[in-house]
């Protein structure tokens, strides 16, 4: 399951984010049905706070990933809860503008970056 949390002031298509994440997992040869993770779209203040708390850096960053790596069982079987990806929406806007890309495309790239980190740490 792919959970997507978005701070209320940011207009982002949750469905597209889930689809992009699932497509990337399939491209990597991994079934999206076997992994659970969440994606949070937050502001720079929240990102800066997380970056300081977990990495000791008093600045913002476009994406962070947090490995959980637990097994979860439910009526659908066993899956791996691999972690959480946090993306700064203001950083997405900045990078998308600098690179002349669509916002959703840039979010997809940051999701891929976060998933790659989670899967290689897993």
PDB file of N, CA and C in Angstrom:
ATOM      1  N   UNK A   1       0.843  -1.167   0.000  1.00  0.00           N
ATOM      2  CA  UNK A   1       0.000   0.000   0.000  1.00  0.00           C
ATOM      3  C   UNK A   1       0.897   1.241   0.000  1.00  0.00           C
ATOM      4  N   UNK A   2       0.514   2.203  -0.777  1.00  0.00           N
ATOM      5  CA  UNK A   2       1.256   3.453  -0.861  1.00  0.00           C
ATOM      6  C   UNK A   2       0.368   4.553  -0.295  1.00  0.00           C
ATOM      7  N   UNK A   3       0.716   5.049   0.898  1.00  0.00           N
ATOM      8  CA  UNK A   3      -0.020   6.157   1.510  1.00  0.00           C
ATOM      9  C   UNK A   3       0.618   7.460   1.079  1.00  0.00           C
ATOM     10  N   UNK A   4      -0.205   8.442   0.764  1.00  0.00           N
ATOM     11  CA  UNK A   4       0.296   9.764   0.383  1.00  0.00           C
ATOM     12  C   UNK A   4      -0.357  10.793   1.296  1.00  0.00           C
ATOM     13  N   UNK A   5       0.484  11.518   2.036  1.00  0.00           N
ATOM     14  CA  UNK A   5       0.026  12.602   2.900  1.00  0.00           C
ATOM     15  C   UNK A   5       0.500  13.914   2.301  1.00  0.00           C
ATOM     16  N   UNK A   6      -0.403  14.869   2.206  1.00  0.00           N
ATOM     17  CA  UNK A   6      -0.051  16.170   1.640  1.00  0.00           C
ATOM     18  C   UNK A   6      -0.550  17.251   2.579  1.00  0.00           C
ATOM     19  N   UNK A   7       0.351  18.170   2.968  1.00  0.00           N
ATOM     20  CA  UNK A   7      -0.098  19.305   3.766  1.00  0.00           C
ATOM     21  C   UNK A   7      -1.169  20.036   2.966  1.00  0.00           C
ATOM     22  N   UNK A   8      -2.191  20.484   3.632  1.00  0.00           N
ATOM     23  CA  UNK A   8      -3.417  20.965   2.986  1.00  0.00           C
ATOM     24  C   UNK A   8      -3.230  22.083   1.966  1.00  0.00           C
ATOM     25  N   UNK A   9      -2.207  22.891   2.096  1.00  0.00           N
ATOM     26  CA  UNK A   9      -2.077  24.030   1.185  1.00  0.00           C
ATOM     27  C   UNK A   9      -1.457  23.665  -0.168  1.00  0.00           C
ATOM     28  N   UNK A  10      -0.981  22.450  -0.319  1.00  0.00           N
ATOM     29  CA  UNK A  10      -0.340  22.050  -1.576  1.00  0.00           C
ATOM     30  C   UNK A  10      -1.299  21.212  -2.415  1.00  0.00           C
ATOM     31  N   UNK A  11      -1.465  21.619  -3.656  1.00  0.00           N
ATOM     32  CA  UNK A  11      -2.360  20.891  -4.568  1.00  0.00           C
ATOM     33  C   UNK A  11      -1.528  19.899  -5.381  1.00  0.00           C
ATOM     34  N   UNK A  12      -1.634  18.654  -4.987  1.00  0.00           N
ATOM     35  CA  UNK A  12      -0.875  17.587  -5.636  1.00  0.00           C
ATOM     36  C   UNK A  12      -1.819  16.415  -5.852  1.00  0.00           C
ATOM     37  N   UNK A  13      -1.666  15.733  -6.967  1.00  0.00           N
ATOM     38  CA  UNK A  13      -2.518  14.615  -7.319  1.00  0.00           C
ATOM     39  C   UNK A  13      -1.996  13.327  -6.670  1.00  0.00           C
ATOM     40  N   UNK A  14      -2.661  12.897  -5.591  1.00  0.00           N
ATOM     41  CA  UNK A  14      -2.243  11.694  -4.862  1.00  0.00           C
ATOM     42  C   UNK A  14      -2.220  10.459  -5.768  1.00  0.00           C
ATOM     43  N   UNK A  15      -3.244  10.346  -6.600  1.00  0.00           N
ATOM     44  CA  UNK A  15      -3.352   9.180  -7.480  1.00  0.00           C
ATOM     45  C   UNK A  15      -2.140   9.086  -8.408  1.00  0.00           C
ATOM     46  N   UNK A  16      -1.733  10.213  -8.991  1.00  0.00           N
ATOM     47  CA  UNK A  16      -0.573  10.206  -9.888  1.00  0.00           C
ATOM     48  C   UNK A  16       0.701   9.828  -9.149  1.00  0.00           C
ATOM     49  N   UNK A  17       0.837  10.314  -7.918  1.00  0.00           N
ATOM     50  CA  UNK A  17       2.023   9.978  -7.125  1.00  0.00           C
ATOM     51  C   UNK A  17       2.065   8.477  -6.868  1.00  0.00           C
ATOM     52  N   UNK A  18       0.929   7.896  -6.480  1.00  0.00           N
ATOM     53  CA  UNK A  18       0.874   6.443  -6.250  1.00  0.00           C
ATOM     54  C   UNK A  18       1.216   5.671  -7.530  1.00  0.00           C
ATOM     55  N   UNK A  19       0.634   6.108  -8.646  1.00  0.00           N
ATOM     56  CA  UNK A  19       0.888   5.441  -9.925  1.00  0.00           C
ATOM     57  C   UNK A  19       2.363   5.517 -10.317  1.00  0.00           C
ATOM     58  N   UNK A  20       2.972   6.689 -10.147  1.00  0.00           N
ATOM     59  CA  UNK A  20       4.392   6.854 -10.465  1.00  0.00           C
ATOM     60  C   UNK A  20       5.252   5.940  -9.601  1.00  0.00           C
ATOM     61  N   UNK A  21       4.937   5.888  -8.307  1.00  0.00           N
ATOM     62  CA  UNK A  21       5.699   5.035  -7.388  1.00  0.00           C
ATOM     63  C   UNK A  21       5.555   3.566  -7.782  1.00  0.00           C
ATOM     64  N   UNK A  22       4.339   3.126  -8.081  1.00  0.00           N
ATOM     65  CA  UNK A  22       4.107   1.733  -8.482  1.00  0.00           C
ATOM     66  C   UNK A  22       4.830   1.414  -9.784  1.00  0.00           C
ATOM     67  N   UNK A  23       4.784   2.344 -10.733  1.00  0.00           N
ATOM     68  CA  UNK A  23       5.485   2.150 -12.015  1.00  0.00           C
ATOM     69  C   UNK A  23       6.996   2.003 -11.805  1.00  0.00           C
ATOM     70  N   UNK A  24       7.546   2.831 -10.922  1.00  0.00           N
ATOM     71  CA  UNK A  24       8.982   2.766 -10.656  1.00  0.00           C
ATOM     72  C   UNK A  24       9.347   1.427 -10.009  1.00  0.00           C
ATOM     73  N   UNK A  25       8.541   0.970  -9.061  1.00  0.00           N
ATOM     74  CA  UNK A  25       8.819  -0.324  -8.426  1.00  0.00           C
ATOM     75  C   UNK A  25       8.794  -1.447  -9.453  1.00  0.00           C
ATOM     76  N   UNK A  26       7.787  -1.427 -10.320  1.00  0.00           N
ATOM     77  CA  UNK A  26       7.698  -2.461 -11.361  1.00  0.00           C
ATOM     78  C   UNK A  26       8.895  -2.404 -12.297  1.00  0.00           C
ATOM     79  N   UNK A  27       9.338  -1.186 -12.631  1.00  0.00           N
ATOM     80  CA  UNK A  27      10.519  -1.019 -13.477  1.00  0.00           C
ATOM     81  C   UNK A  27      11.762  -1.615 -12.807  1.00  0.00           C
ATOM     82  N   UNK A  28      11.797  -1.554 -11.478  1.00  0.00           N
ATOM     83  CA  UNK A  28      12.917  -2.109 -10.713  1.00  0.00           C
ATOM     84  C   UNK A  28      12.762  -3.614 -10.493  1.00  0.00           C
ATOM     85  N   UNK A  29      11.658  -4.185 -10.999  1.00  0.00           N
ATOM     86  CA  UNK A  29      11.433  -5.616 -10.835  1.00  0.00           C
ATOM     87  C   UNK A  29      10.863  -5.992  -9.479  1.00  0.00           C
ATOM     88  N   UNK A  30      10.224  -5.023  -8.825  1.00  0.00           N
ATOM     89  CA  UNK A  30       9.671  -5.227  -7.495  1.00  0.00           C
ATOM     90  C   UNK A  30       8.156  -5.068  -7.572  1.00  0.00           C
ATOM     91  N   UNK A  31       7.418  -6.003  -7.001  1.00  0.00           N
ATOM     92  CA  UNK A  31       5.964  -5.901  -7.003  1.00  0.00           C
ATOM     93  C   UNK A  31       5.499  -4.860  -5.991  1.00  0.00           C
ATOM     94  N   UNK A  32       4.721  -3.864  -6.442  1.00  0.00           N
ATOM     95  CA  UNK A  32       4.193  -2.864  -5.506  1.00  0.00           C
ATOM     96  C   UNK A  32       3.277  -3.480  -4.449  1.00  0.00           C
ATOM     97  N   UNK A  33       2.757  -4.667  -4.703  1.00  0.00           N
ATOM     98  CA  UNK A  33       1.866  -5.327  -3.752  1.00  0.00           C
ATOM     99  C   UNK A  33       2.616  -5.899  -2.553  1.00  0.00           C
ATOM    100  N   UNK A  34       3.941  -6.017  -2.666  1.00  0.00           N
ATOM    101  CA  UNK A  34       4.730  -6.604  -1.587  1.00  0.00           C
ATOM    102  C   UNK A  34       5.302  -5.579  -0.615  1.00  0.00           C
ATOM    103  N   UNK A  35       5.204  -4.295  -0.955  1.00  0.00           N
ATOM    104  CA  UNK A  35       5.815  -3.252  -0.143  1.00  0.00           C
ATOM    105  C   UNK A  35       4.813  -2.183   0.250  1.00  0.00           C
ATOM    106  N   UNK A  36       4.910  -1.740   1.485  1.00  0.00           N
ATOM    107  CA  UNK A  36       4.131  -0.616   1.982  1.00  0.00           C
ATOM    108  C   UNK A  36       5.104   0.512   2.304  1.00  0.00           C
ATOM    109  N   UNK A  37       4.733   1.721   1.956  1.00  0.00           N
ATOM    110  CA  UNK A  37       5.517   2.887   2.330  1.00  0.00           C
ATOM    111  C   UNK A  37       4.627   4.106   2.212  1.00  0.00           C
ATOM    112  N   UNK A  38       5.097   5.198   2.785  1.00  0.00           N
ATOM    113  CA  UNK A  38       4.314   6.430   2.694  1.00  0.00           C
ATOM    114  C   UNK A  38       5.156   7.529   2.066  1.00  0.00           C
ATOM    115  N   UNK A  39       4.438   8.468   1.484  1.00  0.00           N
ATOM    116  CA  UNK A  39       5.050   9.636   0.874  1.00  0.00           C
ATOM    117  C   UNK A  39       4.365  10.849   1.481  1.00  0.00           C
ATOM    118  N   UNK A  40       5.152  11.757   2.035  1.00  0.00           N
ATOM    119  CA  UNK A  40       4.602  12.984   2.617  1.00  0.00           C
ATOM    120  C   UNK A  40       5.131  14.180   1.839  1.00  0.00           C
ATOM    121  N   UNK A  41       4.232  15.056   1.450  1.00  0.00           N
ATOM    122  CA  UNK A  41       4.591  16.305   0.789  1.00  0.00           C
ATOM    123  C   UNK A  41       4.421  17.404   1.836  1.00  0.00           C
ATOM    124  N   UNK A  42       5.529  18.053   2.193  1.00  0.00           N
ATOM    125  CA  UNK A  42       5.517  19.023   3.294  1.00  0.00           C
ATOM    126  C   UNK A  42       6.136  20.346   2.845  1.00  0.00           C
ATOM    127  N   UNK A  43       6.088  21.322   3.739  1.00  0.00           N
ATOM    128  CA  UNK A  43       6.710  22.620   3.489  1.00  0.00           C
ATOM    129  C   UNK A  43       8.163  22.633   3.925  1.00  0.00           C
ATOM    130  N   UNK A  44       8.851  23.699   3.594  1.00  0.00           N
ATOM    131  CA  UNK A  44      10.267  23.807   3.939  1.00  0.00           C
ATOM    132  C   UNK A  44      10.514  23.864   5.451  1.00  0.00           C
ATOM    133  N   UNK A  45       9.602  24.484   6.190  1.00  0.00           N
ATOM    134  CA  UNK A  45       9.795  24.561   7.644  1.00  0.00           C
ATOM    135  C   UNK A  45       9.810  23.153   8.256  1.00  0.00           C
ATOM    136  N   UNK A  46       8.866  22.320   7.851  1.00  0.00           N
ATOM    137  CA  UNK A  46       8.815  20.940   8.349  1.00  0.00           C
ATOM    138  C   UNK A  46      10.049  20.159   7.883  1.00  0.00           C
ATOM    139  N   UNK A  47      10.419  20.325   6.603  1.00  0.00           N
ATOM    140  CA  UNK A  47      11.578  19.609   6.074  1.00  0.00           C
ATOM    141  C   UNK A  47      12.848  20.020   6.809  1.00  0.00           C
ATOM    142  N   UNK A  48      13.000  21.308   7.048  1.00  0.00           N
ATOM    143  CA  UNK A  48      14.184  21.799   7.755  1.00  0.00           C
ATOM    144  C   UNK A  48      14.251  21.201   9.158  1.00  0.00           C
ATOM    145  N   UNK A  49      13.107  21.127   9.826  1.00  0.00           N
ATOM    146  CA  UNK A  49      13.030  20.544  11.167  1.00  0.00           C
ATOM    147  C   UNK A  49      13.433  19.059  11.146  1.00  0.00           C
ATOM    148  N   UNK A  50      12.927  18.314  10.166  1.00  0.00           N
ATOM    149  CA  UNK A  50      13.280  16.891  10.038  1.00  0.00           C
ATOM    150  C   UNK A  50      14.758  16.699   9.720  1.00  0.00           C
ATOM    151  N   UNK A  51      15.266  17.531   8.841  1.00  0.00           N
ATOM    152  CA  UNK A  51      16.673  17.435   8.431  1.00  0.00           C
ATOM    153  C   UNK A  51      17.598  17.718   9.617  1.00  0.00           C
ATOM    154  N   UNK A  52      17.232  18.705  10.424  1.00  0.00           N
ATOM    155  CA  UNK A  52      18.024  19.027  11.606  1.00  0.00           C
ATOM    156  C   UNK A  52      17.962  17.886  12.623  1.00  0.00           C
ATOM    157  N   UNK A  53      16.759  17.391  12.868  1.00  0.00           N
ATOM    158  CA  UNK A  53      16.567  16.331  13.870  1.00  0.00           C
ATOM    159  C   UNK A  53      17.273  15.033  13.479  1.00  0.00           C
ATOM    160  N   UNK A  54      17.183  14.643  12.214  1.00  0.00           N
ATOM    161  CA  UNK A  54      17.684  13.323  11.808  1.00  0.00           C
ATOM    162  C   UNK A  54      19.059  13.334  11.153  1.00  0.00           C
ATOM    163  N   UNK A  55      19.455  14.465  10.596  1.00  0.00           N
ATOM    164  CA  UNK A  55      20.749  14.513   9.900  1.00  0.00           C
ATOM    165  C   UNK A  55      21.693  15.558  10.479  1.00  0.00           C
ATOM    166  N   UNK A  56      21.192  16.377  11.419  1.00  0.00           N
ATOM    167  CA  UNK A  56      22.039  17.374  12.069  1.00  0.00           C
ATOM    168  C   UNK A  56      22.374  18.577  11.210  1.00  0.00           C
ATOM    169  N   UNK A  57      21.604  18.793  10.148  1.00  0.00           N
ATOM    170  CA  UNK A  57      21.861  19.927   9.258  1.00  0.00           C
ATOM    171  C   UNK A  57      20.716  20.929   9.369  1.00  0.00           C
ATOM    172  N   UNK A  58      21.054  22.176   9.636  1.00  0.00           N
ATOM    173  CA  UNK A  58      20.057  23.227   9.844  1.00  0.00           C
ATOM    174  C   UNK A  58      19.743  23.928   8.521  1.00  0.00           C
ATOM    175  N   UNK A  59      19.189  23.169   7.604  1.00  0.00           N
ATOM    176  CA  UNK A  59      18.814  23.684   6.283  1.00  0.00           C
ATOM    177  C   UNK A  59      17.713  22.789   5.727  1.00  0.00           C
ATOM    178  N   UNK A  60      17.214  23.142   4.584  1.00  0.00           N
ATOM    179  CA  UNK A  60      16.188  22.309   3.967  1.00  0.00           C
ATOM    180  C   UNK A  60      16.831  21.411   2.912  1.00  0.00           C
ATOM    181  N   UNK A  61      16.078  20.455   2.450  1.00  0.00           N
ATOM    182  CA  UNK A  61      16.525  19.537   1.412  1.00  0.00           C
ATOM    183  C   UNK A  61      15.291  19.114   0.626  1.00  0.00           C
ATOM    184  N   UNK A  62      15.438  18.698  -0.616  1.00  0.00           N
ATOM    185  CA  UNK A  62      14.241  18.346  -1.381  1.00  0.00           C
ATOM    186  C   UNK A  62      13.587  17.028  -0.961  1.00  0.00           C
ATOM    187  N   UNK A  63      14.378  16.066  -0.515  1.00  0.00           N
ATOM    188  CA  UNK A  63      13.797  14.756  -0.199  1.00  0.00           C
ATOM    189  C   UNK A  63      14.597  14.063   0.906  1.00  0.00           C
ATOM    190  N   UNK A  64      13.862  13.400   1.789  1.00  0.00           N
ATOM    191  CA  UNK A  64      14.454  12.556   2.828  1.00  0.00           C
ATOM    192  C   UNK A  64      13.738  11.216   2.795  1.00  0.00           C
ATOM    193  N   UNK A  65      14.440  10.177   3.137  1.00  0.00           N
ATOM    194  CA  UNK A  65      13.784   8.877   3.268  1.00  0.00           C
ATOM    195  C   UNK A  65      14.166   8.278   4.613  1.00  0.00           C
ATOM    196  N   UNK A  66      13.196   7.611   5.218  1.00  0.00           N
ATOM    197  CA  UNK A  66      13.378   7.013   6.528  1.00  0.00           C
ATOM    198  C   UNK A  66      13.037   5.530   6.446  1.00  0.00           C
ATOM    199  N   UNK A  67      14.028   4.700   6.655  1.00  0.00           N
ATOM    200  CA  UNK A  67      13.862   3.249   6.585  1.00  0.00           C
ATOM    201  C   UNK A  67      13.159   2.736   7.838  1.00  0.00           C
ATOM    202  N   UNK A  68      12.157   1.895   7.652  1.00  0.00           N
ATOM    203  CA  UNK A  68      11.464   1.236   8.764  1.00  0.00           C
ATOM    204  C   UNK A  68      11.780  -0.259   8.731  1.00  0.00           C
ATOM    205  N   UNK A  69      11.572  -0.890   7.578  1.00  0.00           N
ATOM    206  CA  UNK A  69      11.917  -2.294   7.348  1.00  0.00           C
ATOM    207  C   UNK A  69      11.296  -3.258   8.358  1.00  0.00           C
ATOM    208  N   UNK A  70       9.977  -3.320   8.360  1.00  0.00           N
ATOM    209  CA  UNK A  70       9.238  -4.258   9.210  1.00  0.00           C
ATOM    210  C   UNK A  70       8.335  -5.113   8.336  1.00  0.00           C
ATOM    211  N   UNK A  71       8.044  -6.304   8.790  1.00  0.00           N
ATOM    212  CA  UNK A  71       7.089  -7.182   8.108  1.00  0.00           C
ATOM    213  C   UNK A  71       5.697  -6.909   8.661  1.00  0.00           C
ATOM    214  N   UNK A  72       4.708  -6.881   7.763  1.00  0.00           N
ATOM    215  CA  UNK A  72       3.323  -6.637   8.139  1.00  0.00           C
ATOM    216  C   UNK A  72       2.478  -7.760   7.562  1.00  0.00           C
ATOM    217  N   UNK A  73       1.574  -8.282   8.374  1.00  0.00           N
ATOM    218  CA  UNK A  73       0.660  -9.324   7.892  1.00  0.00           C
ATOM    219  C   UNK A  73      -0.766  -8.818   8.007  1.00  0.00           C
ATOM    220  N   UNK A  74      -1.553  -9.105   6.980  1.00  0.00           N
ATOM    221  CA  UNK A  74      -2.979  -8.826   7.023  1.00  0.00           C
ATOM    222  C   UNK A  74      -3.693  -9.867   6.171  1.00  0.00           C
ATOM    223  N   UNK A  75      -4.957  -9.618   5.851  1.00  0.00           N
ATOM    224  CA  UNK A  75      -5.742 -10.602   5.085  1.00  0.00           C
ATOM    225  C   UNK A  75      -5.176 -10.837   3.685  1.00  0.00           C
ATOM    226  N   UNK A  76      -4.345  -9.921   3.195  1.00  0.00           N
ATOM    227  CA  UNK A  76      -3.752 -10.068   1.857  1.00  0.00           C
ATOM    228  C   UNK A  76      -2.397 -10.774   1.873  1.00  0.00           C
ATOM    229  N   UNK A  77      -1.927 -11.145   3.045  1.00  0.00           N
ATOM    230  CA  UNK A  77      -0.634 -11.818   3.137  1.00  0.00           C
ATOM    231  C   UNK A  77       0.404 -10.959   3.828  1.00  0.00           C
ATOM    232  N   UNK A  78       1.672 -11.347   3.643  1.00  0.00           N
ATOM    233  CA  UNK A  78       2.769 -10.621   4.279  1.00  0.00           C
ATOM    234  C   UNK A  78       3.408  -9.644   3.306  1.00  0.00           C
ATOM    235  N   UNK A  79       3.705  -8.445   3.806  1.00  0.00           N
ATOM    236  CA  UNK A  79       4.370  -7.421   3.015  1.00  0.00           C
ATOM    237  C   UNK A  79       5.456  -6.780   3.866  1.00  0.00           C
ATOM    238  N   UNK A  80       6.292  -6.010   3.222  1.00  0.00           N
ATOM    239  CA  UNK A  80       7.337  -5.276   3.934  1.00  0.00           C
ATOM    240  C   UNK A  80       6.944  -3.808   4.033  1.00  0.00           C
ATOM    241  N   UNK A  81       6.947  -3.301   5.249  1.00  0.00           N
ATOM    242  CA  UNK A  81       6.772  -1.876   5.467  1.00  0.00           C
ATOM    243  C   UNK A  81       8.174  -1.290   5.404  1.00  0.00           C
ATOM    244  N   UNK A  82       8.501  -0.641   4.275  1.00  0.00           N
ATOM    245  CA  UNK A  82       9.895  -0.247   4.087  1.00  0.00           C
ATOM    246  C   UNK A  82      10.230   1.140   4.607  1.00  0.00           C
ATOM    247  N   UNK A  83       9.281   2.043   4.678  1.00  0.00           N
ATOM    248  CA  UNK A  83       9.615   3.338   5.239  1.00  0.00           C
ATOM    249  C   UNK A  83       8.777   4.485   4.739  1.00  0.00           C
ATOM    250  N   UNK A  84       9.345   5.677   4.894  1.00  0.00           N
ATOM    251  CA  UNK A  84       8.643   6.900   4.525  1.00  0.00           C
ATOM    252  C   UNK A  84       9.558   7.794   3.698  1.00  0.00           C
ATOM    253  N   UNK A  85       8.959   8.423   2.707  1.00  0.00           N
ATOM    254  CA  UNK A  85       9.647   9.401   1.873  1.00  0.00           C
ATOM    255  C   UNK A  85       8.991  10.747   2.150  1.00  0.00           C
ATOM    256  N   UNK A  86       9.814  11.752   2.444  1.00  0.00           N
ATOM    257  CA  UNK A  86       9.302  13.097   2.703  1.00  0.00           C
ATOM    258  C   UNK A  86       9.868  14.017   1.635  1.00  0.00           C
ATOM    259  N   UNK A  87       8.984  14.767   0.995  1.00  0.00           N
ATOM    260  CA  UNK A  87       9.373  15.660  -0.101  1.00  0.00           C
ATOM    261  C   UNK A  87       8.935  17.079   0.235  1.00  0.00           C
ATOM    262  N   UNK A  88       9.834  18.030   0.042  1.00  0.00           N
ATOM    263  CA  UNK A  88       9.529  19.446   0.268  1.00  0.00           C
ATOM    264  C   UNK A  88       8.902  20.040  -0.991  1.00  0.00           C
ATOM    265  N   UNK A  89       7.635  20.459  -0.886  1.00  0.00           N
ATOM    266  CA  UNK A  89       6.956  21.034  -2.043  1.00  0.00           C
ATOM    267  C   UNK A  89       7.628  22.323  -2.535  1.00  0.00           C
ATOM    268  N   UNK A  90       8.046  23.233  -1.645  1.00  0.00           N
ATOM    269  CA  UNK A  90       8.750  24.420  -2.142  1.00  0.00           C
ATOM    270  C   UNK A  90      10.049  24.067  -2.896  1.00  0.00           C
ATOM    271  N   UNK A  91      10.738  23.023  -2.467  1.00  0.00           N
ATOM    272  CA  UNK A  91      11.945  22.597  -3.172  1.00  0.00           C
ATOM    273  C   UNK A  91      11.588  21.989  -4.533  1.00  0.00           C
ATOM    274  N   UNK A  92      10.466  21.291  -4.590  1.00  0.00           N
ATOM    275  CA  UNK A  92       9.983  20.758  -5.864  1.00  0.00           C
ATOM    276  C   UNK A  92       9.759  21.912  -6.842  1.00  0.00           C
ATOM    277  N   UNK A  93       9.080  22.952  -6.367  1.00  0.00           N
ATOM    278  CA  UNK A  93       8.818  24.117  -7.218  1.00  0.00           C
ATOM    279  C   UNK A  93      10.119  24.751  -7.718  1.00  0.00           C
ATOM    280  N   UNK A  94      11.074  24.888  -6.815  1.00  0.00           N
ATOM    281  CA  UNK A  94      12.354  25.498  -7.171  1.00  0.00           C
ATOM    282  C   UNK A  94      13.084  24.673  -8.231  1.00  0.00           C
ATOM    283  N   UNK A  95      13.216  23.382  -7.995  1.00  0.00           N
ATOM    284  CA  UNK A  95      13.926  22.509  -8.933  1.00  0.00           C
ATOM    285  C   UNK A  95      13.179  22.391 -10.264  1.00  0.00           C
ATOM    286  N   UNK A  96      11.859  22.280 -10.203  1.00  0.00           N
ATOM    287  CA  UNK A  96      11.068  22.178 -11.436  1.00  0.00           C
ATOM    288  C   UNK A  96      11.241  23.428 -12.285  1.00  0.00           C
ATOM    289  N   UNK A  97      11.240  24.573 -11.642  1.00  0.00           N
ATOM    290  CA  UNK A  97      11.419  25.838 -12.353  1.00  0.00           C
ATOM    291  C   UNK A  97      12.821  25.935 -12.960  1.00  0.00           C
ATOM    292  N   UNK A  98      13.834  25.594 -12.176  1.00  0.00           N
ATOM    293  CA  UNK A  98      15.219  25.660 -12.661  1.00  0.00           C
ATOM    294  C   UNK A  98      15.458  24.702 -13.826  1.00  0.00           C
ATOM    295  N   UNK A  99      14.795  23.547 -13.785  1.00  0.00           N
ATOM    296  CA  UNK A  99      15.016  22.514 -14.804  1.00  0.00           C
ATOM    297  C   UNK A  99      13.957  22.534 -15.899  1.00  0.00           C
ATOM    298  N   UNK A 100      13.029  23.507 -15.812  1.00  0.00           N
ATOM    299  CA  UNK A 100      11.960  23.640 -16.789  1.00  0.00           C
ATOM    300  C   UNK A 100      11.165  22.329 -16.934  1.00  0.00           C
ATOM    301  N   UNK A 101      10.758  21.770 -15.780  1.00  0.00           N
ATOM    302  CA  UNK A 101       9.989  20.522 -15.746  1.00  0.00           C
ATOM    303  C   UNK A 101       8.639  20.770 -15.093  1.00  0.00           C
ATOM    304  N   UNK A 102       7.704  19.896 -15.381  1.00  0.00           N
ATOM    305  CA  UNK A 102       6.408  19.934 -14.715  1.00  0.00           C
ATOM    306  C   UNK A 102       6.591  19.549 -13.250  1.00  0.00           C
ATOM    307  N   UNK A 103       5.783  20.137 -12.383  1.00  0.00           N
ATOM    308  CA  UNK A 103       5.865  19.858 -10.953  1.00  0.00           C
ATOM    309  C   UNK A 103       5.663  18.373 -10.674  1.00  0.00           C
ATOM    310  N   UNK A 104       4.671  17.759 -11.309  1.00  0.00           N
ATOM    311  CA  UNK A 104       4.404  16.337 -11.077  1.00  0.00           C
ATOM    312  C   UNK A 104       5.570  15.460 -11.525  1.00  0.00           C
ATOM    313  N   UNK A 105       6.236  15.857 -12.602  1.00  0.00           N
ATOM    314  CA  UNK A 105       7.415  15.112 -13.078  1.00  0.00           C
ATOM    315  C   UNK A 105       8.525  15.183 -12.036  1.00  0.00           C
ATOM    316  N   UNK A 106       8.746  16.361 -11.459  1.00  0.00           N
ATOM    317  CA  UNK A 106       9.801  16.528 -10.466  1.00  0.00           C
ATOM    318  C   UNK A 106       9.465  15.759  -9.196  1.00  0.00           C
ATOM    319  N   UNK A 107       8.205  15.776  -8.776  1.00  0.00           N
ATOM    320  CA  UNK A 107       7.808  14.983  -7.613  1.00  0.00           C
ATOM    321  C   UNK A 107       8.106  13.516  -7.876  1.00  0.00           C
ATOM    322  N   UNK A 108       7.767  13.042  -9.078  1.00  0.00           N
ATOM    323  CA  UNK A 108       8.054  11.655  -9.453  1.00  0.00           C
ATOM    324  C   UNK A 108       9.530  11.328  -9.342  1.00  0.00           C
ATOM    325  N   UNK A 109      10.388  12.245  -9.760  1.00  0.00           N
ATOM    326  CA  UNK A 109      11.834  12.023  -9.662  1.00  0.00           C
ATOM    327  C   UNK A 109      12.278  11.921  -8.198  1.00  0.00           C
ATOM    328  N   UNK A 110      11.712  12.778  -7.341  1.00  0.00           N
ATOM    329  CA  UNK A 110      12.071  12.716  -5.926  1.00  0.00           C
ATOM    330  C   UNK A 110      11.523  11.446  -5.269  1.00  0.00           C
ATOM    331  N   UNK A 111      10.347  10.994  -5.693  1.00  0.00           N
ATOM    332  CA  UNK A 111       9.809   9.725  -5.193  1.00  0.00           C
ATOM    333  C   UNK A 111      10.754   8.590  -5.587  1.00  0.00           C
ATOM    334  N   UNK A 112      11.207   8.577  -6.837  1.00  0.00           N
ATOM    335  CA  UNK A 112      12.154   7.552  -7.291  1.00  0.00           C
ATOM    336  C   UNK A 112      13.440   7.591  -6.468  1.00  0.00           C
ATOM    337  N   UNK A 113      13.935   8.775  -6.203  1.00  0.00           N
ATOM    338  CA  UNK A 113      15.150   8.927  -5.399  1.00  0.00           C
ATOM    339  C   UNK A 113      14.945   8.327  -4.005  1.00  0.00           C
ATOM    340  N   UNK A 114      13.818   8.679  -3.379  1.00  0.00           N
ATOM    341  CA  UNK A 114      13.517   8.163  -2.045  1.00  0.00           C
ATOM    342  C   UNK A 114      13.328   6.659  -2.032  1.00  0.00           C
ATOM    343  N   UNK A 115      12.620   6.130  -3.018  1.00  0.00           N
ATOM    344  CA  UNK A 115      12.419   4.679  -3.111  1.00  0.00           C
ATOM    345  C   UNK A 115      13.734   3.948  -3.332  1.00  0.00           C
ATOM    346  N   UNK A 116      14.594   4.502  -4.172  1.00  0.00           N
ATOM    347  CA  UNK A 116      15.902   3.885  -4.394  1.00  0.00           C
ATOM    348  C   UNK A 116      16.666   3.802  -3.074  1.00  0.00           C
ATOM    349  N   UNK A 117      16.627   4.858  -2.291  1.00  0.00           N
ATOM    350  CA  UNK A 117      17.299   4.852  -0.992  1.00  0.00           C
ATOM    351  C   UNK A 117      16.710   3.784  -0.071  1.00  0.00           C
ATOM    352  N   UNK A 118      15.379   3.719  -0.011  1.00  0.00           N
ATOM    353  CA  UNK A 118      14.738   2.735   0.868  1.00  0.00           C
ATOM    354  C   UNK A 118      15.051   1.307   0.428  1.00  0.00           C
ATOM    355  N   UNK A 119      15.004   1.049  -0.866  1.00  0.00           N
ATOM    356  CA  UNK A 119      15.222  -0.307  -1.364  1.00  0.00           C
ATOM    357  C   UNK A 119      16.679  -0.746  -1.231  1.00  0.00           C
ATOM    358  N   UNK A 120      17.612   0.170  -1.349  1.00  0.00           N
ATOM    359  CA  UNK A 120      19.016  -0.220  -1.228  1.00  0.00           C
ATOM    360  C   UNK A 120      19.434  -0.348   0.233  1.00  0.00           C
ATOM    361  N   UNK A 121      18.744   0.358   1.134  1.00  0.00           N
ATOM    362  CA  UNK A 121      19.021   0.212   2.571  1.00  0.00           C
ATOM    363  C   UNK A 121      18.337  -1.010   3.145  1.00  0.00           C
ATOM    364  N   UNK A 122      17.279  -1.455   2.484  1.00  0.00           N
ATOM    365  CA  UNK A 122      16.432  -2.547   2.968  1.00  0.00           C
ATOM    366  C   UNK A 122      17.183  -3.863   3.001  1.00  0.00           C
TER     367      UNK A 122
END
